[in-house]
Protein backbone atom coordinates (compact mmCIF):
# COMPACT_ATOMS: atom_id res chain seq x y z
CA UNK A 1 127.85 105.39 214.38
CA UNK A 2 126.47 103.48 217.32
CA UNK A 3 128.51 100.30 217.37
CA UNK A 4 127.42 97.69 219.89
CA UNK A 5 130.57 95.74 220.51
CA UNK A 6 129.35 94.47 223.86
CA UNK A 7 126.38 92.79 222.18
CA UNK A 8 128.60 91.14 219.61
CA UNK A 9 131.14 89.97 222.15
CA UNK A 10 128.47 88.64 224.46
CA UNK A 11 127.01 86.56 221.66
CA UNK A 12 130.37 85.26 220.49
CA UNK A 13 131.57 84.37 223.96
CA UNK A 14 128.39 82.39 224.46
CA UNK A 15 129.32 80.49 221.31
CA UNK A 16 132.83 79.59 222.48
CA UNK A 17 133.60 75.98 223.17
CA UNK A 18 135.30 75.39 226.50
CA UNK A 19 136.98 72.17 225.38
CA UNK A 20 139.07 74.08 222.82
CA UNK A 21 142.14 76.05 223.77
CA UNK A 22 142.48 79.76 223.10
CA UNK A 23 145.42 82.13 222.74
CA UNK A 24 145.48 85.12 225.04
CA UNK A 25 145.63 88.58 223.46
CA UNK A 26 148.32 91.25 223.96
CA UNK A 27 148.52 93.57 226.96
CA UNK A 28 147.08 97.07 227.08
CA UNK A 29 150.60 98.53 227.10
CA UNK A 30 151.46 96.65 223.92
CA UNK A 31 148.19 97.74 222.30
CA UNK A 32 149.04 101.37 223.09
CA UNK A 33 151.70 101.17 220.37
CA UNK A 34 148.89 101.31 217.79
CA UNK A 35 148.86 104.82 216.42
CA UNK A 36 152.30 105.46 217.91
CA UNK A 37 155.24 103.52 216.42
CA UNK A 38 152.71 101.22 214.74
CA UNK A 39 149.94 102.28 212.40
CA UNK A 40 146.36 101.98 213.69
CA UNK A 41 146.19 98.60 211.94
CA UNK A 42 149.45 97.22 213.29
CA UNK A 43 152.12 97.70 210.63
CA UNK A 44 155.43 99.48 211.20
CA UNK A 45 154.85 103.19 210.83
CA UNK A 46 158.44 104.03 209.89
CA UNK A 47 159.88 103.52 206.44
CA UNK A 48 162.65 101.04 205.74
CA UNK A 49 166.35 101.76 206.14
CA UNK A 50 166.97 101.90 202.38
CA UNK A 51 164.33 104.58 201.95
CA UNK A 52 162.54 102.50 199.32
CA UNK A 53 159.46 102.06 201.51
CA UNK A 54 158.19 105.34 202.98
CA UNK A 55 156.81 106.02 206.42
CA UNK A 56 153.05 105.81 206.83
CA UNK A 57 151.69 109.33 207.29
CA UNK A 58 147.94 108.72 207.38
CA UNK A 59 147.24 107.02 204.08
CA UNK A 60 144.97 108.20 201.29
CA UNK A 61 141.68 109.42 202.75
CA UNK A 62 140.52 112.12 200.34
CA UNK A 63 139.52 111.54 196.71
CA UNK A 64 141.29 113.48 193.96
CA UNK A 65 139.62 116.16 191.89
CA UNK A 66 137.06 114.78 189.49
CA UNK A 67 135.82 111.98 191.71
CA UNK A 68 132.13 112.42 192.51
CA UNK A 69 131.25 109.51 194.79
CA UNK A 70 130.89 105.80 195.47
CA UNK A 71 130.22 103.77 192.36
CA UNK A 72 132.15 106.02 190.03
CA UNK A 73 135.22 104.42 188.50
CA UNK A 74 138.19 105.81 190.34
CA UNK A 75 140.30 108.75 189.30
CA UNK A 76 144.02 108.00 189.55
CA UNK A 77 145.39 110.08 192.45
CA UNK A 78 148.94 109.63 191.13
CA UNK A 79 148.69 110.39 187.40
CA UNK A 80 152.22 111.78 187.16
CA UNK A 81 153.99 108.78 188.69
CA UNK A 82 156.31 107.11 186.19
CA UNK A 83 157.85 103.66 186.03
CA UNK A 84 161.11 103.62 188.00
CA UNK A 85 162.34 100.40 186.39
CA UNK A 86 160.93 97.20 184.93
CA UNK A 87 161.74 93.68 186.08
CA UNK A 88 161.75 91.13 183.28
CA UNK A 89 163.15 87.70 182.47
CA UNK A 90 166.61 89.07 181.70
CA UNK A 91 167.17 91.01 184.95
CA UNK A 92 165.00 89.07 187.41
CA UNK A 93 167.97 87.65 189.31
CA UNK A 94 169.00 91.19 190.26
CA UNK A 95 165.70 91.62 192.13
CA UNK A 96 165.04 88.03 193.19
CA UNK A 97 165.26 88.70 196.94
CA UNK A 98 162.23 90.98 196.63
CA UNK A 99 160.16 88.71 194.37
CA UNK A 100 157.81 85.92 195.34
CA UNK A 101 158.48 82.47 193.90
CA UNK A 102 155.29 82.80 191.91
CA UNK A 103 156.32 86.07 190.25
CA UNK A 104 159.72 84.58 189.43
CA UNK A 105 157.94 81.62 187.86
CA UNK A 106 155.75 83.94 185.81
CA UNK A 107 158.84 85.71 184.48
CA UNK A 108 160.37 82.35 183.57
CA UNK A 109 157.21 80.89 182.06
CA UNK A 110 156.35 83.94 179.94
CA UNK A 111 159.79 85.53 179.33
CA UNK A 112 158.78 87.62 176.32
CA UNK A 113 155.52 89.05 177.64
CA UNK A 114 155.31 89.14 181.44
CA UNK A 115 157.09 91.95 183.28
CA UNK A 116 156.85 93.89 186.51
CA UNK A 117 156.74 97.69 186.14
CA UNK A 118 157.88 99.14 189.48
CA UNK A 119 156.65 102.52 190.70
CA UNK A 120 157.30 104.71 193.71
CA UNK A 121 155.98 103.03 196.85
CA UNK A 122 153.00 104.78 198.40
CA UNK A 123 151.42 103.63 201.66
CA UNK A 124 147.83 104.57 200.96
CA UNK A 125 145.89 102.27 203.28
CA UNK A 126 143.71 103.95 205.88
CA UNK A 127 140.64 103.08 207.93
CA UNK A 128 137.88 105.16 209.54
CA UNK A 129 138.53 106.26 213.12
CA UNK A 130 135.96 103.84 214.53
CA UNK A 131 137.67 100.88 212.81
CA UNK A 132 140.98 102.01 214.30
CA UNK A 133 139.40 102.25 217.75
CA UNK A 134 137.91 98.76 217.58
CA UNK A 135 141.19 97.40 216.25
CA UNK A 136 142.90 98.70 219.40
CA UNK A 137 140.24 97.09 221.58
CA UNK A 138 140.48 93.83 219.64
CA UNK A 139 144.21 93.72 220.25
CA UNK A 140 143.57 93.04 223.94
CA UNK A 141 140.27 91.14 223.59
CA UNK A 142 140.52 88.90 220.52
CA UNK A 143 141.48 85.25 220.81
CA UNK A 144 141.96 82.33 218.46
CA UNK A 145 139.79 79.37 219.39
CA UNK A 146 140.64 75.77 218.62
CA UNK A 147 143.35 75.19 216.03
CA UNK A 148 142.64 78.33 214.09
CA UNK A 149 139.03 77.37 213.33
CA UNK A 150 137.57 80.54 214.76
CA UNK A 151 138.06 83.72 216.75
CA UNK A 152 136.17 85.38 219.56
CA UNK A 153 136.28 88.72 221.35
CA UNK A 154 136.63 90.71 218.11
CA UNK A 155 134.35 93.04 216.20
CA UNK A 156 134.55 96.10 213.96
CA UNK A 157 138.32 96.09 213.36
CA UNK A 158 141.30 93.87 212.67
CA UNK A 159 141.38 91.20 215.39
CA UNK A 160 145.15 90.76 215.64
CA UNK A 161 146.97 93.97 214.69
CA UNK A 162 149.94 92.89 216.82
CA UNK A 163 151.00 89.32 216.10
CA UNK A 164 151.98 87.21 219.11
CA UNK A 165 152.59 83.62 220.12
CA UNK A 166 154.46 80.92 218.20
CA UNK A 167 154.80 80.63 214.42
CA UNK A 168 151.62 78.63 214.04
CA UNK A 169 149.58 81.05 216.12
CA UNK A 170 150.95 84.07 214.25
CA UNK A 171 150.06 82.40 210.96
CA UNK A 172 146.46 81.90 212.11
CA UNK A 173 146.30 85.54 213.17
CA UNK A 174 147.54 86.79 209.78
CA UNK A 175 144.97 84.72 207.92
CA UNK A 176 142.13 85.79 210.21
CA UNK A 177 143.14 89.42 209.71
CA UNK A 178 142.77 88.77 205.98
CA UNK A 179 139.42 87.02 206.40
CA UNK A 180 137.81 89.86 208.37
CA UNK A 181 139.74 92.80 206.93
CA UNK A 182 138.05 96.17 206.48
CA UNK A 183 136.12 96.42 203.19
CA UNK A 184 133.25 98.66 204.19
CA UNK A 185 129.80 97.81 205.55
CA UNK A 186 127.67 97.05 202.48
CA UNK A 187 128.79 96.70 198.87
CA UNK A 188 127.18 95.95 195.52
CA UNK A 189 128.79 95.40 192.16
CA UNK A 190 128.07 94.14 188.67
CA UNK A 191 131.18 92.60 187.15
CA UNK A 192 132.43 89.82 184.93
CA UNK A 193 134.83 86.93 185.22
CA UNK A 194 136.66 85.18 182.41
CA UNK A 195 138.71 82.08 181.83
CA UNK A 196 141.31 83.02 179.23
CA UNK A 197 142.34 80.20 176.89
CA UNK A 198 145.85 79.55 175.59
CA UNK A 199 145.07 81.46 172.38
CA UNK A 200 143.68 84.45 174.31
CA UNK A 201 140.03 83.65 173.63
CA UNK A 202 137.50 84.12 176.44
CA UNK A 203 133.79 84.35 177.22
CA UNK A 204 132.34 86.64 179.87
CA UNK A 205 130.30 85.41 182.81
CA UNK A 206 128.55 88.44 184.28
CA UNK A 207 126.91 88.61 187.69
CA UNK A 208 125.47 91.00 190.23
CA UNK A 209 127.10 90.66 193.66
CA UNK A 210 125.80 92.01 196.95
CA UNK A 211 127.55 91.78 200.30
CA UNK A 212 126.93 92.89 203.85
CA UNK A 213 129.86 92.70 206.28
CA UNK A 214 128.06 91.88 209.51
CA UNK A 215 131.40 91.96 211.34
CA UNK A 216 131.36 95.73 210.68
CA UNK A 217 127.61 96.10 211.33
CA UNK A 218 127.00 99.63 212.70
CA UNK A 219 123.94 98.38 214.58
CA UNK A 220 125.69 95.41 216.15
CA UNK A 221 124.51 91.82 215.79
CA UNK A 222 122.14 89.86 217.96
CA UNK A 223 120.89 86.34 218.56
CA UNK A 224 121.89 83.50 216.29
CA UNK A 225 123.37 85.88 213.69
CA UNK A 226 126.22 87.00 215.96
CA UNK A 227 128.46 84.36 214.44
CA UNK A 228 128.22 85.70 210.86
CA UNK A 229 131.18 87.56 209.33
CA UNK A 230 129.34 88.46 206.15
CA UNK A 231 126.38 87.70 203.94
CA UNK A 232 126.98 87.34 200.21
CA UNK A 233 124.63 87.01 197.25
CA UNK A 234 125.58 86.54 193.61
CA UNK A 235 123.12 86.40 190.70
CA UNK A 236 124.42 85.25 187.32
CA UNK A 237 123.10 87.44 184.50
CA UNK A 238 124.89 86.10 181.43
CA UNK A 239 125.61 84.04 179.36
CA UNK A 240 122.09 82.67 178.77
CA UNK A 241 123.05 79.11 179.67
CA UNK A 242 123.97 80.22 183.21
CA UNK A 243 121.62 83.19 183.64
CA UNK A 244 119.27 83.01 186.59
CA UNK A 245 121.53 80.91 188.80
CA UNK A 246 122.46 82.29 192.19
CA UNK A 247 124.37 81.50 195.35
CA UNK A 248 123.97 82.68 198.94
CA UNK A 249 126.69 82.47 201.57
CA UNK A 250 126.57 83.01 205.34
CA UNK A 251 130.24 83.09 206.37
CA UNK A 252 130.87 82.25 210.03
CA UNK A 253 133.35 83.65 212.51
CA UNK A 254 133.63 80.63 214.81
CA UNK A 255 133.66 77.63 212.51
CA UNK A 256 133.89 75.17 215.39
CA UNK A 257 130.38 76.16 216.39
CA UNK A 258 128.89 76.63 212.95
CA UNK A 259 130.58 75.93 209.59
CA UNK A 260 129.80 78.08 206.58
CA UNK A 261 126.24 77.91 205.31
CA UNK A 262 125.68 78.00 201.56
CA UNK A 263 122.70 77.69 199.21
CA UNK A 264 122.37 77.58 195.46
CA UNK A 265 119.44 78.43 193.18
CA UNK A 266 119.04 76.37 190.02
CA UNK A 267 117.08 78.38 187.46
CA UNK A 268 116.09 75.34 185.43
CA UNK A 269 114.63 73.52 188.42
CA UNK A 270 113.53 76.72 190.19
CA UNK A 271 114.73 75.28 193.45
CA UNK A 272 116.95 76.47 196.26
CA UNK A 273 119.17 73.79 197.69
CA UNK A 274 121.83 73.70 200.35
CA UNK A 275 125.34 73.70 198.95
CA UNK A 276 127.39 71.87 201.61
CA UNK A 277 130.29 71.40 199.20
CA UNK A 278 130.73 75.11 198.48
CA UNK A 279 134.11 75.22 200.15
CA UNK A 280 137.69 73.92 200.15
CA UNK A 281 138.73 72.63 196.70
CA UNK A 282 135.30 72.35 195.14
CA UNK A 283 135.70 73.47 191.51
CA UNK A 284 133.98 76.64 190.29
CA UNK A 285 132.24 75.96 186.98
CA UNK A 286 132.25 79.60 185.82
CA UNK A 287 136.03 79.61 186.23
CA UNK A 288 136.40 76.47 184.10
CA UNK A 289 138.04 74.81 187.12
CA UNK A 290 140.87 77.35 187.27
CA UNK A 291 139.67 78.46 190.71
CA UNK A 292 138.58 76.47 193.73
CA UNK A 293 135.86 77.57 196.14
CA UNK A 294 138.43 78.62 198.74
CA UNK A 295 140.47 80.52 196.12
CA UNK A 296 137.75 83.15 195.97
CA UNK A 297 138.85 86.42 197.60
CA UNK A 298 142.38 84.98 197.38
CA UNK A 299 141.49 82.69 200.31
CA UNK A 300 138.34 82.07 202.28
CA UNK A 301 136.81 79.49 204.58
CA UNK A 302 138.16 77.08 207.15
CA UNK A 303 141.84 76.66 208.07
CA UNK A 304 141.51 73.12 209.38
CA UNK A 305 143.02 71.09 206.51
CA UNK A 306 146.46 72.71 206.71
CA UNK A 307 149.38 73.10 209.08
CA UNK A 308 150.23 76.80 209.27
CA UNK A 309 153.60 78.51 209.77
CA UNK A 310 154.48 82.19 209.96
CA UNK A 311 157.66 82.90 207.98
CA UNK A 312 158.17 86.54 208.88
CA UNK A 313 157.90 90.05 207.52
CA UNK A 314 159.59 90.65 204.15
CA UNK A 315 159.93 93.40 201.57
CA UNK A 316 158.35 92.21 198.33
CA UNK A 317 157.22 93.79 195.08
CA UNK A 318 153.42 93.52 195.03
CA UNK A 319 150.63 94.84 192.76
CA UNK A 320 149.55 98.01 194.59
CA UNK A 321 147.75 101.29 193.89
CA UNK A 322 146.45 99.96 190.57
CA UNK A 323 144.15 102.63 189.14
CA UNK A 324 144.91 102.48 185.41
CA UNK A 325 143.64 98.92 185.07
CA UNK A 326 140.29 99.95 186.55
CA UNK A 327 139.67 103.12 184.54
CA UNK A 328 136.17 103.43 183.10
CA UNK A 329 135.91 102.50 179.46
CA UNK A 330 139.11 100.48 179.25
CA UNK A 331 138.14 97.56 176.98
CA UNK A 332 138.47 94.12 178.50
CA UNK A 333 140.37 93.16 175.36
CA UNK A 334 143.04 95.70 176.33
CA UNK A 335 143.24 94.40 179.90
CA UNK A 336 143.40 90.68 179.03
CA UNK A 337 146.56 89.40 177.40
CA UNK A 338 147.05 85.88 176.06
CA UNK A 339 148.72 84.44 179.18
CA UNK A 340 148.28 87.19 181.77
CA UNK A 341 147.03 90.74 182.26
CA UNK A 342 148.49 93.51 180.14
CA UNK A 343 151.52 94.47 182.25
CA UNK A 344 151.48 98.04 180.91
CA UNK A 345 148.26 98.61 182.89
CA UNK A 346 149.66 97.27 186.17
CA UNK A 347 151.56 99.00 188.95
CA UNK A 348 153.93 97.22 191.35
CA UNK A 349 155.50 98.65 194.48
CA UNK A 350 157.92 97.49 197.15
CA UNK A 351 155.91 96.96 200.34
CA UNK A 352 156.20 94.97 203.56
CA UNK A 353 154.29 91.70 203.57
CA UNK A 354 153.68 88.93 206.07
CA UNK A 355 154.62 85.54 204.62
CA UNK A 356 152.61 82.52 205.74
CA UNK A 357 152.98 78.94 204.57
CA UNK A 358 150.23 76.31 204.76
CA UNK A 359 151.04 72.61 204.24
CA UNK A 360 148.32 70.01 203.81
CA UNK A 361 147.84 67.84 206.89
CA UNK A 362 148.43 64.10 206.70
CA UNK A 363 145.18 62.44 205.71
CA UNK A 364 143.51 65.71 204.65
CA UNK A 365 142.26 66.27 201.11
CA UNK A 366 142.88 69.28 198.88
CA UNK A 367 144.26 69.75 195.36
CA UNK A 368 146.87 72.18 196.75
CA UNK A 369 149.52 70.44 198.82
CA UNK A 370 151.13 73.73 199.87
CA UNK A 371 150.17 77.38 199.77
CA UNK A 372 152.37 80.41 200.44
CA UNK A 373 150.60 83.67 201.26
CA UNK A 374 152.00 87.17 200.89
CA UNK A 375 149.79 89.48 202.96
CA UNK A 376 150.12 93.26 202.77
CA UNK A 377 151.26 94.43 206.21
CA UNK A 378 149.17 97.61 206.05
CA UNK A 379 145.80 96.41 204.71
CA UNK A 380 146.02 92.68 205.56
CA UNK A 381 144.95 91.83 202.00
CA UNK A 382 146.52 88.71 200.56
CA UNK A 383 148.07 90.14 197.40
CA UNK A 384 150.17 87.20 196.16
CA UNK A 385 149.62 83.49 196.64
CA UNK A 386 151.73 80.55 195.41
CA UNK A 387 149.99 77.16 195.27
CA UNK A 388 151.76 73.81 194.86
CA UNK A 389 150.53 70.45 193.65
CA UNK A 390 151.00 67.06 195.31
CA UNK A 391 154.39 66.61 193.65
CA UNK A 392 155.66 69.79 195.28
CA UNK A 393 155.71 71.71 191.99
CA UNK A 394 154.48 75.28 191.74
CA UNK A 395 151.14 75.00 190.00
CA UNK A 396 149.08 78.16 190.34
CA UNK A 397 150.07 81.78 190.96
CA UNK A 398 147.34 84.09 192.25
CA UNK A 399 147.55 87.88 192.27
CA UNK A 400 145.30 90.39 194.05
CA UNK A 401 145.62 93.58 192.02
CA UNK A 402 145.08 96.15 194.77
CA UNK A 403 144.26 99.83 195.12
CA UNK A 404 142.92 102.26 197.71
CA UNK A 405 139.16 102.86 197.57
CA UNK A 406 139.48 106.35 198.97
CA UNK A 407 135.72 106.69 199.51
CA UNK A 408 135.91 104.05 202.28
CA UNK A 409 138.87 104.64 202.81
CA UNK A 410 140.83 101.39 202.54
CA UNK A 411 142.77 99.08 200.25
CA UNK A 412 141.04 96.17 198.46
CA UNK A 413 141.67 94.34 195.22
CA UNK A 414 140.49 95.58 191.83
CA UNK A 415 140.95 92.20 190.13
CA UNK A 416 141.82 88.74 191.40
CA UNK A 417 143.86 86.78 188.87
CA UNK A 418 144.53 83.02 188.93
CA UNK A 419 147.33 81.70 186.71
CA UNK A 420 147.68 77.97 185.98
CA UNK A 421 151.32 77.55 184.98
CA UNK A 422 150.82 73.96 183.85
CA UNK A 423 147.77 74.57 181.67
CA UNK A 424 149.06 78.03 180.62
CA UNK A 425 145.61 79.50 181.15
CA UNK A 426 144.33 82.06 183.63
CA UNK A 427 141.14 83.28 185.21
CA UNK A 428 140.16 86.83 186.19
CA UNK A 429 137.51 88.01 188.68
CA UNK A 430 136.16 91.55 188.92
CA UNK A 431 136.16 93.05 185.43
CA UNK A 432 133.93 96.13 185.42
CA UNK A 433 135.57 98.84 183.30
CA UNK A 434 132.90 98.30 180.61
CA UNK A 435 130.13 98.63 183.22
CA UNK A 436 128.49 101.97 184.12
CA UNK A 437 129.72 101.70 187.72
CA UNK A 438 132.28 99.97 189.88
CA UNK A 439 131.73 98.84 193.49
CA UNK A 440 129.12 100.88 195.37
CA UNK A 441 129.75 101.18 199.11
CA UNK A 442 127.16 102.26 201.66
CA UNK A 443 126.66 102.10 205.42
CA UNK A 444 123.19 100.63 204.91
CA UNK A 445 122.21 97.68 207.10
CA UNK A 446 119.78 95.40 205.27
CA UNK A 447 117.14 93.34 206.99
CA UNK A 448 118.74 89.95 207.58
CA UNK A 449 115.79 88.31 205.82
CA UNK A 450 117.15 89.86 202.65
CA UNK A 451 119.96 87.29 202.82
CA UNK A 452 117.73 84.31 203.62
CA UNK A 453 117.28 81.18 201.46
CA UNK A 454 113.59 82.09 201.09
CA UNK A 455 114.44 85.43 199.52
CA UNK A 456 117.00 83.80 197.22
CA UNK A 457 114.34 82.11 195.11
CA UNK A 458 112.08 85.19 195.06
CA UNK A 459 114.92 87.36 193.74
CA UNK A 460 116.32 84.84 191.24
CA UNK A 461 114.85 85.58 187.84
CA UNK A 462 116.06 83.88 184.68
């Protein structure tokens, strides 16, 4: 692939704002650790002392027998793995040091049904060689600008594989690694989301989603589009009352220069309108207000309403290598329990995670007063997220049910699940086991006009 990093960097540097401070990157000698004692994406290559987390030996890069290509529901590469032990309400204290507060709360809130089946830990994350190369270059080039509002000097790989600076700066770096993590170049998917009621009832909202990760654009980016991380389109297909609606997002890399741009298409009015409020804690109607705009993808958007602190690297049980829950033909009714996912279809492993805490700034507005992120040290996916209300009480527990998409290769979530402990309801994004296909990844680069507001109306059909 002919990646034009110099074009990207030139455009982004031109966008930088001199009045804002930046944090210098690491030295070349430090960056040389990538691929040596550190993985190409910055995590510790060695296993832990207890032997419960293995060394990284290259990840999972080849599909198992029976897998025919992108779009096919994945074949489990570890079909013979068995549950080592199960954490439940009666033995949770024995494992508490390796559990997030949110998972502990789930065990306490649903003591007879929620449990954590623990499997052998497998470090499956991997990236293409070119992503690893750009990650190494980013390590010495990438900088935070402002107070975490943007980054510059990065393209085509993780911007901050080696964390540096003070606790606030490290926290920003972790979150930006999550925001621009490797998920391929272009992706399409038809899937459903549901808000599950207290009695287990639910109604599907089905949509077609299309994304292009401009940050990983194999042709580079030019002109005014250099500041775009990704383009995202979603067309609602059912139920009839919502069918025909659509949203378009242009997500920006330097949000000091240019905040996110969003548009919505209203099928009834047949009009495209700007959606300036499609961010922060704006409620999502299809989620029945169980998810905010910046809950999508576990977390997205600007960092400016919170004070950020890095709390260190910890060993935590996280949902990882989850293939059973995404097997083709598995009925949604089997996946969705009354208060949470069917735990028998989930897989949890002990893995290293970066822990970041965000506390709402004085005078800032958001329904979450505090958020605690648990970010997988290998893939930089946020896999667990605890969210607190204004009284300081744990309110919502979010889980990114992750697996390796070996056709990329790389780890991403299968389902994103949002539990409201106070309402005892939950919301799920990404159901597709009843669909003919799962995510389809390509290296195709669409014409940028494809993701324009003008094309949104043309393509929105009720």
